[in-house]
């Protein structure tokens, strides 16, 4: 049986815990011009700037 996911971040600093929820991991596929294969670029960006990251 799988463990239940915890929704609250357990940390001593509650301000840092609430700020951590504003960041998102974004995975973008990029096609290599040399080989034509796809690679993945991962980045952690602020949730307000996700669309700008994906457009660039």
N, C-alpha and C. Protein backbone atom coordinates (compact mmCIF):
# COMPACT_ATOMS: atom_id res chain seq x y z
N UNK A 1 0.84 -1.17 0.00
CA UNK A 1 0.00 0.00 0.00
C UNK A 1 0.89 1.24 0.00
N UNK A 2 0.56 2.21 -0.79
CA UNK A 2 1.35 3.43 -0.90
C UNK A 2 1.10 4.36 0.28
N UNK A 3 2.10 5.15 0.57
CA UNK A 3 1.96 6.13 1.65
C UNK A 3 1.09 7.29 1.18
N UNK A 4 0.39 7.89 2.09
CA UNK A 4 -0.44 9.05 1.76
C UNK A 4 0.46 10.27 1.55
N UNK A 5 0.16 11.06 0.57
CA UNK A 5 0.94 12.26 0.28
C UNK A 5 0.63 13.33 1.31
N UNK A 6 1.64 13.99 1.75
CA UNK A 6 1.47 15.08 2.70
C UNK A 6 1.32 16.38 1.92
N UNK A 7 0.30 17.14 2.22
CA UNK A 7 0.08 18.39 1.50
C UNK A 7 0.84 19.55 2.12
N UNK A 8 1.14 19.46 3.38
CA UNK A 8 1.85 20.56 4.05
C UNK A 8 3.35 20.31 4.01
N UNK A 9 4.10 21.35 3.78
CA UNK A 9 5.55 21.25 3.81
C UNK A 9 5.98 21.36 5.26
N UNK A 10 6.73 20.38 5.71
CA UNK A 10 7.18 20.38 7.10
C UNK A 10 8.52 21.09 7.18
N UNK A 11 8.51 22.25 7.76
CA UNK A 11 9.73 23.01 7.95
C UNK A 11 9.54 23.93 9.14
N UNK A 12 10.63 24.39 9.68
CA UNK A 12 10.56 25.29 10.82
C UNK A 12 10.20 26.70 10.38
N UNK A 13 10.56 27.05 9.16
CA UNK A 13 10.32 28.41 8.65
C UNK A 13 9.07 28.40 7.78
N UNK A 14 7.95 28.84 8.29
CA UNK A 14 6.69 28.82 7.54
C UNK A 14 6.70 29.80 6.38
N UNK A 15 7.43 30.90 6.50
CA UNK A 15 7.50 31.86 5.40
C UNK A 15 8.20 31.24 4.19
N UNK A 16 9.28 30.52 4.43
CA UNK A 16 9.98 29.84 3.35
C UNK A 16 9.12 28.76 2.73
N UNK A 17 8.32 28.09 3.54
CA UNK A 17 7.45 27.04 3.03
C UNK A 17 6.37 27.62 2.13
N UNK A 18 5.81 28.75 2.50
CA UNK A 18 4.78 29.35 1.66
C UNK A 18 5.38 29.93 0.39
N UNK A 19 6.62 30.40 0.44
CA UNK A 19 7.28 30.93 -0.76
C UNK A 19 7.65 29.79 -1.72
N UNK A 20 7.97 28.64 -1.21
CA UNK A 20 8.36 27.50 -2.04
C UNK A 20 7.22 27.04 -2.93
N UNK A 21 6.01 27.27 -2.53
CA UNK A 21 4.85 26.85 -3.32
C UNK A 21 4.66 27.71 -4.56
N UNK A 22 5.36 28.82 -4.66
CA UNK A 22 5.22 29.71 -5.81
C UNK A 22 6.15 29.33 -6.96
N UNK A 23 6.96 28.31 -6.81
CA UNK A 23 7.91 27.90 -7.83
C UNK A 23 7.42 26.62 -8.49
N UNK A 24 7.69 26.49 -9.80
CA UNK A 24 7.21 25.36 -10.58
C UNK A 24 8.35 24.80 -11.42
N UNK A 25 8.42 23.49 -11.53
CA UNK A 25 9.40 22.85 -12.40
C UNK A 25 8.79 22.73 -13.79
N UNK A 26 9.49 23.27 -14.78
CA UNK A 26 9.00 23.26 -16.16
C UNK A 26 9.95 22.42 -17.00
N UNK A 27 9.39 21.49 -17.76
CA UNK A 27 10.18 20.65 -18.65
C UNK A 27 9.76 20.99 -20.07
N UNK A 28 10.74 21.36 -20.87
CA UNK A 28 10.47 21.80 -22.25
C UNK A 28 11.25 20.93 -23.22
N UNK A 29 10.62 20.51 -24.32
CA UNK A 29 11.33 19.73 -25.33
C UNK A 29 11.96 20.69 -26.33
N UNK A 30 13.19 20.38 -26.70
CA UNK A 30 13.92 21.20 -27.66
C UNK A 30 14.48 20.27 -28.71
N UNK A 31 14.26 20.62 -29.96
CA UNK A 31 14.77 19.80 -31.06
C UNK A 31 16.18 20.22 -31.42
N UNK A 32 17.07 19.27 -31.49
CA UNK A 32 18.47 19.54 -31.83
C UNK A 32 18.59 19.81 -33.32
N UNK A 33 19.19 20.95 -33.70
CA UNK A 33 19.32 21.23 -35.14
C UNK A 33 20.34 20.31 -35.81
N UNK A 34 21.25 19.77 -35.06
CA UNK A 34 22.31 18.93 -35.61
C UNK A 34 21.82 17.52 -35.93
N UNK A 35 21.14 16.90 -34.98
CA UNK A 35 20.72 15.51 -35.16
C UNK A 35 19.23 15.36 -35.42
N UNK A 36 18.43 16.35 -35.06
CA UNK A 36 16.99 16.25 -35.25
C UNK A 36 16.28 15.54 -34.12
N UNK A 37 17.04 15.08 -33.13
CA UNK A 37 16.41 14.40 -32.00
C UNK A 37 15.96 15.43 -30.96
N UNK A 38 15.10 14.99 -30.07
CA UNK A 38 14.58 15.87 -29.04
C UNK A 38 15.37 15.71 -27.75
N UNK A 39 15.59 16.82 -27.08
CA UNK A 39 16.18 16.82 -25.75
C UNK A 39 15.24 17.56 -24.83
N UNK A 40 15.45 17.42 -23.56
CA UNK A 40 14.59 18.05 -22.57
C UNK A 40 15.38 19.05 -21.76
N UNK A 41 14.82 20.23 -21.59
CA UNK A 41 15.42 21.25 -20.75
C UNK A 41 14.51 21.45 -19.56
N UNK A 42 15.08 21.28 -18.38
CA UNK A 42 14.32 21.44 -17.15
C UNK A 42 14.76 22.72 -16.46
N UNK A 43 13.79 23.41 -15.90
CA UNK A 43 14.10 24.63 -15.19
C UNK A 43 13.05 24.85 -14.11
N UNK A 44 13.46 25.50 -13.05
CA UNK A 44 12.53 25.85 -11.98
C UNK A 44 12.31 27.35 -12.06
N UNK A 45 11.07 27.75 -12.35
CA UNK A 45 10.75 29.16 -12.54
C UNK A 45 9.59 29.55 -11.63
N UNK A 46 9.45 30.83 -11.42
CA UNK A 46 8.34 31.34 -10.62
C UNK A 46 7.05 31.13 -11.38
N UNK A 47 5.98 30.84 -10.66
CA UNK A 47 4.71 30.48 -11.33
C UNK A 47 4.16 31.61 -12.19
N UNK A 48 4.53 32.85 -11.92
CA UNK A 48 4.06 33.97 -12.73
C UNK A 48 4.80 34.07 -14.07
N UNK A 49 5.95 33.44 -14.19
CA UNK A 49 6.79 33.58 -15.39
C UNK A 49 6.86 32.31 -16.22
N UNK A 50 5.95 31.38 -15.99
CA UNK A 50 5.96 30.11 -16.74
C UNK A 50 5.67 30.35 -18.21
N UNK A 51 4.67 31.13 -18.53
CA UNK A 51 4.30 31.38 -19.93
C UNK A 51 5.43 32.10 -20.68
N UNK A 52 6.09 33.03 -20.04
CA UNK A 52 7.21 33.72 -20.68
C UNK A 52 8.36 32.75 -20.96
N UNK A 53 8.58 31.83 -20.03
CA UNK A 53 9.65 30.82 -20.23
C UNK A 53 9.32 29.90 -21.40
N UNK A 54 8.09 29.49 -21.50
CA UNK A 54 7.71 28.57 -22.57
C UNK A 54 7.70 29.25 -23.94
N UNK A 55 7.44 30.53 -23.99
CA UNK A 55 7.44 31.25 -25.26
C UNK A 55 8.85 31.50 -25.78
N UNK A 56 9.82 31.62 -24.89
CA UNK A 56 11.20 31.91 -25.32
C UNK A 56 11.89 30.67 -25.84
